[in-house]
């Protein structure tokens, strides 16, 4: 998800400053707009709009060890 957003113009610094819920909201909005423009496959938004994805992202970020 982060690589996809960086490829679409977000900087890593911008993404790092976002709260997890904001990050996921931006990602969902980006997918929705790209689907409506026809740049990505139809039905992509339905796959990313699941709330379980936010919980999984929080778990993954919680498992990161600081350097």
Protein backbone atom coordinates (compact mmCIF):
# COMPACT_ATOMS: atom_id res chain seq x y z
CA UNK A 1 0.00 0.00 0.00
CA UNK A 2 2.75 2.47 0.90
CA UNK A 3 4.70 1.74 -2.30
CA UNK A 4 1.52 2.26 -4.33
CA UNK A 5 0.90 5.64 -2.70
CA UNK A 6 4.53 6.76 -3.19
CA UNK A 7 4.25 5.83 -6.88
CA UNK A 8 1.15 8.07 -7.04
CA UNK A 9 2.95 11.15 -5.69
CA UNK A 10 2.99 10.94 -1.89
CA UNK A 11 6.36 11.34 -0.20
CA UNK A 12 7.50 8.98 2.52
CA UNK A 13 7.72 11.91 4.91
CA UNK A 14 4.07 12.80 4.26
CA UNK A 15 2.98 9.20 4.81
CA UNK A 16 4.99 8.91 7.99
CA UNK A 17 3.25 11.95 9.48
CA UNK A 18 -0.23 10.50 8.97
CA UNK A 19 -2.09 8.54 11.59
CA UNK A 20 -2.89 4.99 10.51
CA UNK A 21 -6.59 5.73 10.04
CA UNK A 22 -5.81 8.80 7.92
CA UNK A 23 -3.33 6.82 5.85
CA UNK A 24 -5.88 4.14 5.13
CA UNK A 25 -8.55 6.76 4.36
CA UNK A 26 -6.26 8.43 1.80
CA UNK A 27 -5.49 5.03 0.29
CA UNK A 28 -9.18 4.16 -0.02
CA UNK A 29 -9.97 7.53 -1.58
CA UNK A 30 -7.11 7.17 -4.05
CA UNK A 31 -8.29 3.70 -5.09
CA UNK A 32 -11.87 4.97 -5.47
CA UNK A 33 -10.84 7.87 -7.72
CA UNK A 34 -8.52 5.72 -9.86
CA UNK A 35 -11.25 3.12 -10.29
CA UNK A 36 -13.75 5.76 -11.41
CA UNK A 37 -11.18 7.15 -13.89
CA UNK A 38 -10.68 3.66 -15.28
CA UNK A 39 -6.97 3.50 -14.41
CA UNK A 40 -7.32 0.41 -12.20
CA UNK A 41 -9.55 -2.62 -12.32
CA UNK A 42 -13.20 -2.24 -11.34
CA UNK A 43 -13.93 -3.77 -7.94
CA UNK A 44 -10.60 -2.72 -6.45
CA UNK A 45 -12.30 -0.29 -4.08
CA UNK A 46 -14.53 -3.03 -2.71
CA UNK A 47 -11.46 -5.10 -1.85
CA UNK A 48 -9.70 -2.29 0.05
CA UNK A 49 -12.74 -0.93 1.86
CA UNK A 50 -12.78 -3.80 4.37
CA UNK A 51 -12.20 -2.59 7.97
CA UNK A 52 -10.18 -5.72 8.80
CA UNK A 53 -7.39 -4.27 6.66
CA UNK A 54 -6.97 -1.38 9.11
CA UNK A 55 -6.62 -3.79 12.03
CA UNK A 56 -4.07 -5.84 10.08
CA UNK A 57 -2.08 -2.71 9.23
CA UNK A 58 -2.05 -1.65 12.89
CA UNK A 59 -0.79 -5.11 13.89
CA UNK A 60 1.97 -5.01 11.28
CA UNK A 61 3.11 -1.55 12.34
CA UNK A 62 2.98 -2.59 15.99
CA UNK A 63 5.38 -5.45 15.26
CA UNK A 64 8.03 -3.13 13.78
CA UNK A 65 11.12 -2.81 15.90
CA UNK A 66 12.77 0.61 16.23
CA UNK A 67 16.30 0.96 14.91
